[in-house]
Amino acid sequence: MAQAVVVRDRAAAAFPLGPIIGLVGVAVLATLADLAIGAGAWFFMVAALLVLALVMARPEVGIAVFLSTFLVTYPSVLAGAGYLTINNVLGLVFLVLLAHRVYSTGDWWFARNPEMLLFGLIVLSYLASGYFNGPDPRLLQLIGPSERNEAMRLFVNRVAFVLFVINFIRTPAHIRLIYMLAISLMVASGLVGLYGALSGGGLYGYRASTFIWIIAASGNPNRLAMFSIISMGALWYLSQQVYSRVGRALLIATIVALVLAVFMAASRSGLLALSACVLFILADEGASPRRVLGLVAAGVLAVVLVLQFVPEKSLERATTLPGTERAETGVGSGSLERRRYTLSVGYEIVSENVLLGVGVGNWEITRFLRDPGRYTAPPHNSYLLAMAEGGLFCLLGFVGLFWRTWGNLSTARRLLPPPRQLRDINWMVSGARVGLIAVVVFSMFADLWQAIPLFWLVGLGVTMRRYAEARSYATA
């Protein structure tokens, strides 16, 4: 009798029912998709199921896809439409995974996380501002759905992204994946923008920008300059871990090309942020002869290339700074004048109610109603926009996020041992600190606090610190 049982067990092992039932289920779903949607739908159904299985088995891969959806311009077929988008589907999957983890462990640590609490403060500030101090609801009903709805949805999506990052990105391999994916896309955007400007393309025929299938936001020259500076900092610290002369030379050449892209973007904020980040790297790295020599060599090469390739018009615009003689008559003086006027309008909006703003996404309609010229242009200042739309506590929430992220990265840098090989993440921590400085500087000249770099850095800061502290406790 026992032998019969063994025989049946062997037969079951030889013909496992689980995979067979799974394959039959996939075939049935594919057939139903073909019948309901149309021929060829089976392919997308099977692909979606495979991606779903991969995300559930390897959540870090799903986070990488999530990050890419915020950065990369996907074809409409892949991006989806309405509520059926890659972001929404992935978000639903991660919510299920997170709920299962909380149910299994009973650990709600992220609900006490300072960064998530600050995000909660910002959301509450936006909601309270819109409810108590927003434009007349009857007017909003006449206008219909507007940017205000989209702005809140985007912000909540990005907060959800941070929530998933801090819960599912835990190991050095995960951190490397999320960090290097974003840096690679930023480098590609910078180089493509540089090529476009050198070949006579770009915005207005001379400003570096890119509209091809990489980072959508880099179609704006100032955003492209920011991406170039963030990736430049990462590549500099990476070059310190590469001992191959060829590899280091390639990295330095890429850094120089990214510096050239900043100048080709003719971005005033890019020039200021580049200066701030270079000064920080010099102070952070110390006076090591090897490092100083590398920076000097890269700087000399960059200056030569800038003088050789950057059009005079781009240089003039990039160096037309407020308070200088060029600010009155030079290239870009009109842009400065419009910014000054917009700042004055923003100051009037803020001064009427310091505690409450007009609600997220309501800047355009509020300015339109107040501005005699009926303009709707944004203030090009993230700090002012946060005050205008969310009030004082909203601004304090964002400042708190910057402060916490800097503290997280600095703590991780202190606890982790000096990097000795590429697999170590300490050089990534240093690169992320440069990226944070770039975002802080650019925020004074652009509306960036809905853009993904801030949320990417906040999530990385939390994850890097948690890993560094766990490693420190384990080796103590």
Protein backbone atom coordinates (compact mmCIF):
# COMPACT_ATOMS: atom_id res chain seq x y z
CA MET A 1 0.00 0.00 0.00
CA ALA A 2 2.85 2.28 0.88
CA GLN A 3 4.40 1.46 -2.46
CA ALA A 4 1.23 2.58 -4.27
CA VAL A 5 1.35 5.87 -2.41
CA VAL A 6 4.94 6.35 -3.46
CA VAL A 7 4.02 5.60 -7.05
CA ARG A 8 1.22 8.16 -6.98
CA ASP A 9 3.56 10.75 -5.43
CA ARG A 10 6.11 10.15 -8.15
CA ALA A 11 3.45 10.49 -10.80
CA ALA A 12 2.29 13.75 -9.25
CA ALA A 13 5.88 14.96 -9.19
CA ALA A 14 6.34 13.98 -12.81
CA PHE A 15 3.12 15.75 -13.87
CA PRO A 16 2.69 18.71 -11.48
CA LEU A 17 -0.83 20.11 -11.68
CA GLY A 18 0.02 23.66 -10.51
CA PRO A 19 1.94 24.81 -13.61
CA ILE A 20 -0.52 23.01 -15.89
CA ILE A 21 -3.49 24.78 -14.30
CA GLY A 22 -1.58 28.06 -14.54
CA LEU A 23 -0.87 27.58 -18.23
CA VAL A 24 -4.50 26.66 -18.91
CA GLY A 25 -5.60 29.78 -17.01
CA VAL A 26 -3.27 31.99 -19.04
CA ALA A 27 -4.54 30.43 -22.26
CA VAL A 28 -8.16 31.03 -21.23
CA LEU A 29 -7.44 34.67 -20.30
CA ALA A 30 -5.57 35.22 -23.57
CA THR A 31 -8.49 33.77 -25.53
CA LEU A 32 -11.01 35.94 -23.70
CA ALA A 33 -8.82 39.00 -24.31
CA ASP A 34 -8.68 38.20 -28.01
CA LEU A 35 -12.46 37.82 -28.17
CA ALA A 36 -13.23 40.93 -26.10
CA ILE A 37 -10.59 43.36 -27.35
CA GLY A 38 -9.49 42.09 -30.72
CA ALA A 39 -6.87 40.03 -32.50
CA GLY A 40 -3.43 40.31 -30.99
CA ALA A 41 -4.65 41.23 -27.52
CA TRP A 42 -3.48 37.84 -26.27
CA PHE A 43 0.14 38.99 -26.64
CA PHE A 44 -0.37 41.99 -24.37
CA MET A 45 -2.32 39.89 -21.88
CA VAL A 46 0.44 37.29 -21.62
CA ALA A 47 3.12 40.00 -21.44
CA ALA A 48 1.18 41.77 -18.66
CA LEU A 49 0.88 38.53 -16.68
CA LEU A 50 4.60 37.84 -17.06
CA VAL A 51 5.46 41.37 -15.91
CA LEU A 52 3.07 40.98 -12.99
CA ALA A 53 4.74 37.73 -11.95
CA LEU A 54 8.18 39.35 -12.25
CA VAL A 55 7.15 42.36 -10.16
CA MET A 56 5.71 40.16 -7.43
CA ALA A 57 8.86 38.03 -7.37
CA ARG A 58 11.31 40.93 -7.75
CA PRO A 59 9.67 44.15 -6.46
CA GLU A 60 12.82 46.17 -7.16
CA VAL A 61 12.29 45.55 -10.89
CA GLY A 62 8.80 46.96 -10.57
CA ILE A 63 10.17 50.04 -8.80
CA ALA A 64 12.63 50.49 -11.67
CA VAL A 65 9.75 50.32 -14.17
CA PHE A 66 7.80 52.75 -11.98
CA LEU A 67 10.73 55.18 -12.02
CA SER A 68 11.13 54.89 -15.78
CA THR A 69 7.46 55.78 -16.32
CA PHE A 70 8.10 59.11 -14.58
CA LEU A 71 11.14 59.81 -16.72
CA VAL A 72 10.79 58.14 -20.11
CA THR A 73 8.37 59.15 -22.86
CA TYR A 74 6.61 55.86 -23.62
CA PRO A 75 4.71 55.20 -26.87
CA SER A 76 0.96 55.62 -26.37
CA VAL A 77 0.41 51.88 -26.90
CA LEU A 78 2.59 51.07 -23.89
CA ALA A 79 1.71 54.08 -21.75
CA GLY A 80 -2.00 53.27 -21.69
CA ALA A 81 -4.90 55.68 -21.51
CA GLY A 82 -7.28 57.06 -18.90
CA TYR A 83 -6.90 55.24 -15.60
CA LEU A 84 -5.44 52.13 -17.25
CA THR A 85 -1.80 53.25 -17.22
CA ILE A 86 1.44 51.55 -16.30
CA ASN A 87 1.71 53.73 -13.19
CA ASN A 88 -1.76 52.90 -11.93
CA VAL A 89 -1.39 49.16 -12.54
CA LEU A 90 2.01 49.06 -10.82
CA GLY A 91 0.70 51.19 -7.97
CA LEU A 92 -2.16 48.76 -7.41
CA VAL A 93 0.24 45.79 -7.42
CA PHE A 94 2.56 47.46 -4.91
CA LEU A 95 -0.34 48.43 -2.66
CA VAL A 96 -1.35 44.76 -2.54
CA LEU A 97 2.23 43.70 -1.80
CA LEU A 98 2.58 46.36 0.90
CA ALA A 99 -0.75 45.39 2.48
CA HIS A 100 0.35 41.75 2.54
CA ARG A 101 3.65 42.71 4.16
CA VAL A 102 1.94 44.80 6.83
CA TYR A 103 -0.56 41.99 7.48
CA SER A 104 2.26 39.45 7.81
CA THR A 105 4.60 41.53 9.99
CA GLY A 106 2.31 44.05 11.66
CA ASP A 107 5.01 46.67 11.07
CA TRP A 108 3.71 50.15 10.17
CA TRP A 109 7.12 51.80 10.46
CA PHE A 110 6.58 53.91 7.34
CA ALA A 111 3.55 55.58 8.97
CA ARG A 112 5.96 57.04 11.54
CA ASN A 113 8.65 57.91 9.01
CA PRO A 114 9.44 61.67 9.17
CA GLU A 115 9.54 62.01 5.39
CA MET A 116 6.10 60.46 4.95
CA LEU A 117 4.74 62.67 7.75
CA LEU A 118 6.15 65.73 5.97
CA PHE A 119 4.47 64.62 2.75
CA GLY A 120 1.24 64.30 4.73
CA LEU A 121 1.67 67.86 6.02
CA ILE A 122 2.14 69.12 2.46
CA VAL A 123 -0.96 67.30 1.19
CA LEU A 124 -3.06 68.65 4.08
CA SER A 125 -1.75 72.16 3.42
CA TYR A 126 -2.74 71.90 -0.24
CA LEU A 127 -6.21 70.58 0.61
CA ALA A 128 -6.88 73.15 3.34
CA SER A 129 -5.64 75.98 1.12
CA GLY A 130 -7.87 74.96 -1.76
CA TYR A 131 -10.91 74.49 0.48
CA PHE A 132 -10.66 77.65 2.59
CA ASN A 133 -8.76 80.05 0.33
CA GLY A 134 -9.12 78.77 -3.22
CA PRO A 135 -10.88 80.47 -6.13
CA ASP A 136 -14.67 80.70 -6.12
CA PRO A 137 -16.00 77.11 -6.51
CA ARG A 138 -18.72 78.35 -8.89
CA LEU A 139 -16.04 79.76 -11.17
CA LEU A 140 -14.11 76.49 -11.02
CA GLN A 141 -17.26 74.59 -12.00
CA LEU A 142 -17.67 76.81 -15.04
CA ILE A 143 -14.08 76.21 -16.07
CA GLY A 144 -14.34 72.46 -15.53
CA PRO A 145 -11.45 70.06 -14.85
CA SER A 146 -8.16 71.89 -14.91
CA GLU A 147 -4.53 71.64 -13.97
CA ARG A 148 -5.41 71.70 -10.27
CA ASN A 149 -6.84 68.16 -10.46
CA GLU A 150 -3.85 66.90 -12.40
CA ALA A 151 -1.38 68.58 -10.03
CA MET A 152 -2.78 66.85 -6.94
CA ARG A 153 -2.95 63.50 -8.73
CA LEU A 154 0.67 63.80 -9.85
CA PHE A 155 1.83 64.77 -6.38
CA VAL A 156 0.04 61.84 -4.74
CA ASN A 157 1.50 59.48 -7.38
CA ARG A 158 4.99 60.66 -6.54
CA VAL A 159 4.40 60.31 -2.80
CA ALA A 160 3.23 56.75 -3.46
CA PHE A 161 6.45 56.17 -5.40
CA VAL A 162 8.50 57.26 -2.36
CA LEU A 163 6.40 54.97 -0.14
CA PHE A 164 7.13 52.00 -2.38
CA VAL A 165 10.83 52.85 -2.66
CA ILE A 166 11.41 52.98 1.10
CA ASN A 167 9.56 49.69 1.58
CA PHE A 168 10.86 47.57 -1.30
CA ILE A 169 14.36 48.95 -2.01
CA ARG A 170 16.48 47.47 0.76
CA THR A 171 19.77 45.99 -0.46
CA PRO A 172 22.84 47.56 -2.12
CA ALA A 173 21.89 45.83 -5.38
CA HIS A 174 18.45 47.44 -5.24
CA ILE A 175 19.96 50.87 -4.54
CA ARG A 176 22.41 50.50 -7.42
CA LEU A 177 19.56 49.60 -9.78
CA ILE A 178 17.38 52.60 -8.90
CA TYR A 179 20.26 55.07 -8.75
CA MET A 180 22.07 54.02 -11.91
CA LEU A 181 18.87 53.70 -13.95
CA ALA A 182 18.01 57.36 -13.35
CA ILE A 183 21.61 58.52 -13.85
CA SER A 184 21.89 56.60 -17.13
CA LEU A 185 18.73 58.23 -18.48
CA MET A 186 19.94 61.67 -17.37
CA VAL A 187 23.32 61.18 -19.05
CA ALA A 188 21.62 60.04 -22.26
CA SER A 189 19.34 63.09 -22.23
CA GLY A 190 22.25 65.45 -21.68
CA LEU A 191 24.29 63.95 -24.50
CA VAL A 192 21.35 63.88 -26.91
CA GLY A 193 20.55 67.49 -26.08
CA LEU A 194 24.18 68.44 -26.67
CA TYR A 195 24.19 66.67 -30.02
CA GLY A 196 20.98 68.43 -31.04
CA ALA A 197 22.41 71.86 -30.22
CA LEU A 198 25.72 71.16 -31.98
CA SER A 199 23.89 69.96 -35.09
CA GLY A 200 21.79 73.11 -35.32
CA GLY A 201 18.68 71.83 -33.56
CA GLY A 202 17.44 72.41 -30.04
CA LEU A 203 15.08 75.06 -28.75
CA TYR A 204 15.11 78.24 -30.85
CA GLY A 205 17.88 76.66 -32.90
CA TYR A 206 20.63 77.17 -30.32
CA ARG A 207 19.54 75.96 -26.83
CA ALA A 208 20.24 72.32 -25.97
CA SER A 209 17.06 70.31 -25.41
CA THR A 210 15.70 66.96 -26.45
CA PHE A 211 12.28 65.85 -27.57
CA ILE A 212 13.11 62.26 -28.41
CA TRP A 213 12.33 59.10 -26.51
CA ILE A 214 14.38 59.60 -23.34
CA ILE A 215 13.42 61.99 -20.52
CA ALA A 216 10.35 63.98 -21.50
CA ALA A 217 11.14 66.91 -19.17
CA SER A 218 14.52 67.48 -20.85
CA GLY A 219 12.65 69.20 -23.68
CA ASN A 220 13.03 72.18 -21.34
CA PRO A 221 16.65 73.44 -21.55
CA ASN A 222 16.74 74.29 -17.83
CA ARG A 223 15.59 70.78 -16.89
CA LEU A 224 18.17 69.31 -19.26
CA ALA A 225 20.85 71.40 -17.53
CA MET A 226 19.68 70.09 -14.15
CA PHE A 227 19.77 66.46 -15.30
CA SER A 228 23.26 67.04 -16.71
CA ILE A 229 24.55 68.45 -13.41
CA ILE A 230 22.99 65.69 -11.29
CA SER A 231 24.53 63.00 -13.50
CA MET A 232 27.84 64.90 -13.66
CA GLY A 233 28.16 64.66 -9.87
CA ALA A 234 27.42 60.94 -9.95
CA LEU A 235 29.97 60.28 -12.69
CA TRP A 236 32.65 62.28 -10.87
CA TYR A 237 32.39 60.14 -7.73
CA LEU A 238 32.16 57.02 -9.89
CA SER A 239 35.40 58.00 -11.64
CA GLN A 240 37.15 57.95 -8.26
CA GLN A 241 36.38 54.22 -7.97
CA VAL A 242 37.58 53.30 -11.47
CA TYR A 243 41.24 52.35 -11.62
CA SER A 244 41.36 51.70 -15.34
CA ARG A 245 42.88 54.67 -17.16
CA VAL A 246 40.65 54.11 -20.15
CA GLY A 247 37.54 53.89 -17.99
CA ARG A 248 38.45 57.02 -16.04
CA ALA A 249 39.23 58.91 -19.25
CA LEU A 250 35.82 57.97 -20.69
CA LEU A 251 34.06 59.12 -17.54
CA ILE A 252 35.95 62.44 -17.47
CA ALA A 253 35.14 62.97 -21.15
CA THR A 254 31.45 62.33 -20.43
CA ILE A 255 31.55 64.80 -17.53
CA VAL A 256 33.08 67.44 -19.80
CA ALA A 257 30.38 66.78 -22.40
CA LEU A 258 27.70 67.25 -19.74
CA VAL A 259 29.28 70.53 -18.64
CA LEU A 260 29.23 71.60 -22.28
CA ALA A 261 25.53 70.62 -22.42
CA VAL A 262 24.83 72.97 -19.49
CA PHE A 263 26.40 75.88 -21.39
CA MET A 264 24.66 74.88 -24.63
CA ALA A 265 21.35 74.97 -22.76
CA ALA A 266 22.02 78.70 -22.17
CA SER A 267 20.64 78.24 -18.67
CA ARG A 268 21.40 80.89 -16.05
CA SER A 269 20.18 78.63 -13.27
CA GLY A 270 22.31 75.85 -14.76
CA LEU A 271 25.43 77.99 -14.58
CA LEU A 272 24.74 78.90 -10.94
CA ALA A 273 23.96 75.30 -9.97
CA LEU A 274 27.05 74.05 -11.80
CA SER A 275 29.22 76.52 -9.88
CA ALA A 276 27.65 75.52 -6.56
CA CYS A 277 28.11 71.79 -7.21
CA VAL A 278 31.73 72.16 -8.37
CA LEU A 279 32.56 74.18 -5.25
CA PHE A 280 30.88 71.55 -3.09
CA ILE A 281 32.84 68.73 -4.74
CA LEU A 282 36.09 70.63 -4.20
CA ALA A 283 35.26 71.14 -0.52
CA ASP A 284 34.02 67.57 -0.10
CA GLU A 285 36.95 65.86 -1.80
CA GLY A 286 39.67 67.83 -0.06
CA ALA A 287 43.02 68.83 -1.51
CA SER A 288 44.20 65.44 -2.76
CA PRO A 289 46.71 66.10 -5.61
CA ARG A 290 45.16 63.39 -7.77
CA ARG A 291 41.65 64.74 -7.38
CA VAL A 292 42.62 68.37 -7.79
CA LEU A 293 44.60 67.48 -10.92
CA GLY A 294 41.63 65.60 -12.33
CA LEU A 295 39.28 68.52 -11.69
CA VAL A 296 41.74 71.02 -13.15
CA ALA A 297 42.23 68.89 -16.27
CA ALA A 298 38.48 68.48 -16.70
CA GLY A 299 37.96 72.20 -16.11
CA VAL A 300 40.57 73.25 -18.66
CA LEU A 301 39.14 70.87 -21.24
CA ALA A 302 35.62 72.14 -20.53
CA VAL A 303 36.69 75.79 -20.93
CA VAL A 304 38.40 75.05 -24.24
CA LEU A 305 35.35 73.22 -25.56
CA VAL A 306 32.96 75.91 -24.31
CA LEU A 307 34.93 78.63 -26.08
CA GLN A 308 35.18 76.50 -29.20
CA PHE A 309 31.63 75.18 -29.57
CA VAL A 310 29.18 77.20 -27.48
CA PRO A 311 27.59 79.99 -29.57
CA GLU A 312 28.13 83.53 -28.38
CA LYS A 313 24.38 83.91 -28.04
CA SER A 314 24.20 80.98 -25.60
CA LEU A 315 27.10 82.29 -23.53
CA GLU A 316 25.59 85.76 -23.39
CA ARG A 317 22.23 84.42 -22.24
CA ALA A 318 23.77 82.13 -19.62
CA THR A 319 25.80 84.99 -18.16
CA THR A 320 22.96 87.55 -18.26
CA LEU A 321 22.35 87.56 -14.51
CA PRO A 322 20.13 89.85 -12.42
CA GLY A 323 21.95 92.96 -11.21
CA THR A 324 24.40 93.04 -14.12
CA GLU A 325 24.49 95.50 -17.02
CA ARG A 326 23.50 92.74 -19.45
CA ALA A 327 20.30 92.18 -17.48
CA GLU A 328 18.92 95.38 -19.01
CA THR A 329 19.82 94.94 -22.68
CA GLY A 330 21.50 91.54 -23.22
CA VAL A 331 20.13 88.28 -24.58
CA GLY A 332 17.57 86.97 -22.11
CA SER A 333 16.89 90.38 -20.55
CA GLY A 334 13.23 90.06 -21.56
CA SER A 335 13.03 86.74 -19.72
CA LEU A 336 14.46 88.35 -16.58
CA GLU A 337 11.97 91.20 -16.80
CA ARG A 338 9.05 88.77 -17.11
CA ARG A 339 10.34 86.80 -14.14
CA ARG A 340 10.59 89.94 -12.00
CA TYR A 341 7.03 90.84 -12.90
CA THR A 342 5.79 87.32 -12.13
CA LEU A 343 7.57 87.35 -8.77
CA SER A 344 5.83 90.60 -7.88
CA VAL A 345 2.44 89.04 -8.71
CA GLY A 346 3.34 85.99 -6.63
CA TYR A 347 4.34 88.20 -3.71
CA GLU A 348 0.92 89.88 -3.84
CA ILE A 349 -0.83 86.49 -3.79
CA VAL A 350 1.26 85.26 -0.86
CA SER A 351 0.98 88.48 1.16
CA GLU A 352 -2.83 88.24 1.24
CA ASN A 353 -2.74 85.01 3.25
CA VAL A 354 0.59 83.72 4.51
CA LEU A 355 -0.81 80.65 6.26
CA LEU A 356 -2.98 79.39 3.41
CA GLY A 357 -2.35 79.35 -0.31
CA VAL A 358 -4.85 79.16 -3.14
CA GLY A 359 -4.70 75.37 -3.52
CA VAL A 360 -2.50 73.09 -5.57
CA GLY A 361 -2.82 73.72 -9.30
CA ASN A 362 -4.72 76.99 -8.79
CA TRP A 363 -1.81 79.33 -9.52
CA GLU A 364 -2.75 79.83 -13.17
CA ILE A 365 -6.39 80.76 -12.61
CA THR A 366 -5.53 82.95 -9.59
CA ARG A 367 -2.91 84.86 -11.53
CA PHE A 368 -5.22 85.18 -14.54
CA LEU A 369 -7.89 86.79 -12.36
CA ARG A 370 -5.45 89.21 -10.71
CA ASP A 371 -3.01 90.06 -13.48
CA PRO A 372 -4.13 93.01 -15.66
CA GLY A 373 -2.32 91.36 -18.57
CA ARG A 374 -4.28 88.10 -18.01
CA TYR A 375 -1.08 86.06 -17.97
CA THR A 376 -0.96 82.56 -16.48
CA ALA A 377 2.79 81.80 -16.58
CA PRO A 378 4.21 80.01 -13.50
CA PRO A 379 6.48 81.90 -11.08
CA HIS A 380 9.64 79.92 -11.98
CA ASN A 381 10.40 79.66 -8.27
CA SER A 382 9.44 76.51 -6.37
CA TYR A 383 9.63 78.20 -2.96
CA LEU A 384 7.24 80.96 -4.01
CA LEU A 385 4.90 78.51 -5.74
CA ALA A 386 4.70 76.35 -2.59
CA MET A 387 3.78 79.42 -0.53
CA ALA A 388 1.27 80.64 -3.11
CA GLU A 389 -0.51 77.29 -3.50
CA GLY A 390 -0.07 75.69 -0.08
CA GLY A 391 0.87 78.42 2.37
CA LEU A 392 3.58 78.62 5.01
CA PHE A 393 3.24 75.07 6.32
CA CYS A 394 3.50 73.68 2.79
CA LEU A 395 6.78 75.53 2.29
CA LEU A 396 8.04 74.34 5.68
CA GLY A 397 7.14 70.79 4.68
CA PHE A 398 9.27 70.97 1.54
CA VAL A 399 12.16 72.62 3.39
CA GLY A 400 11.89 69.86 5.99
CA LEU A 401 12.15 67.25 3.22
CA PHE A 402 15.36 68.84 1.95
CA TRP A 403 16.75 69.00 5.49
CA ARG A 404 15.85 65.40 6.27
CA THR A 405 17.22 64.10 2.97
CA TRP A 406 20.51 65.93 3.47
CA GLY A 407 20.70 64.48 6.99
CA ASN A 408 19.91 60.97 5.74
CA LEU A 409 22.59 61.10 3.05
CA SER A 410 25.16 62.61 5.42
CA THR A 411 24.45 59.92 8.04
CA ALA A 412 24.77 57.17 5.43
CA ARG A 413 28.03 58.69 4.22
CA ARG A 414 29.39 58.72 7.79
CA LEU A 415 28.33 55.17 8.68
CA LEU A 416 29.36 53.44 5.46
CA PRO A 417 33.03 52.54 4.96
CA PRO A 418 34.98 54.40 2.25
CA PRO A 419 34.16 52.87 -1.15
CA ARG A 420 36.79 50.50 -2.50
CA GLN A 421 34.97 49.07 -5.49
CA LEU A 422 32.09 49.87 -7.81
CA ARG A 423 29.69 47.63 -5.88
CA ASP A 424 29.96 49.85 -2.81
CA ILE A 425 27.25 52.49 -2.53
CA ASN A 426 29.13 55.21 -0.64
CA TRP A 427 30.06 56.94 -3.90
CA MET A 428 26.37 56.92 -4.84
CA VAL A 429 25.58 58.61 -1.53
CA SER A 430 28.10 61.33 -2.39
CA GLY A 431 26.63 61.69 -5.87
CA ALA A 432 23.12 61.96 -4.43
CA ARG A 433 24.28 64.82 -2.18
CA VAL A 434 25.47 66.73 -5.25
CA GLY A 435 22.12 66.00 -6.89
CA LEU A 436 20.28 67.41 -3.87
CA ILE A 437 22.32 70.62 -4.02
CA ALA A 438 21.47 70.95 -7.72
CA VAL A 439 17.74 70.56 -7.01
CA VAL A 440 17.89 73.13 -4.18
CA VAL A 441 19.57 75.70 -6.45
CA PHE A 442 17.38 75.02 -9.48
CA SER A 443 14.28 75.31 -7.29
CA MET A 444 14.99 79.03 -6.95
CA PHE A 445 14.57 79.45 -10.72
CA ALA A 446 12.11 76.73 -11.76
CA ASP A 447 8.95 74.92 -10.67
CA LEU A 448 10.45 71.56 -9.68
CA TRP A 449 8.58 70.23 -6.69
CA GLN A 450 6.25 68.15 -8.83
CA ALA A 451 9.21 66.73 -10.81
CA ILE A 452 10.53 63.26 -10.01
CA PRO A 453 14.18 64.11 -9.03
CA LEU A 454 13.10 65.45 -5.61
CA PHE A 455 11.04 62.34 -4.80
CA TRP A 456 13.75 60.04 -6.16
CA LEU A 457 16.33 61.67 -3.86
CA VAL A 458 14.02 61.60 -0.83
CA GLY A 459 13.37 57.88 -1.30
CA LEU A 460 17.05 57.12 -1.85
CA GLY A 461 17.99 59.12 1.25
CA VAL A 462 15.69 57.06 3.48
CA THR A 463 16.78 53.76 1.93
CA MET A 464 20.51 54.54 2.05
CA ARG A 465 20.33 55.59 5.69
CA ARG A 466 18.34 52.52 6.73
CA TYR A 467 20.84 50.25 4.99
CA ALA A 468 23.83 52.08 6.50
CA GLU A 469 22.36 51.90 10.02
CA ALA A 470 21.50 48.20 9.67
CA ARG A 471 25.01 47.47 8.42
CA SER A 472 26.54 49.49 11.24
CA TYR A 473 24.51 47.61 13.88
CA ALA A 474 25.38 44.25 12.31
CA THR A 475 29.13 44.95 12.37
CA ALA A 476 29.19 46.62 15.80
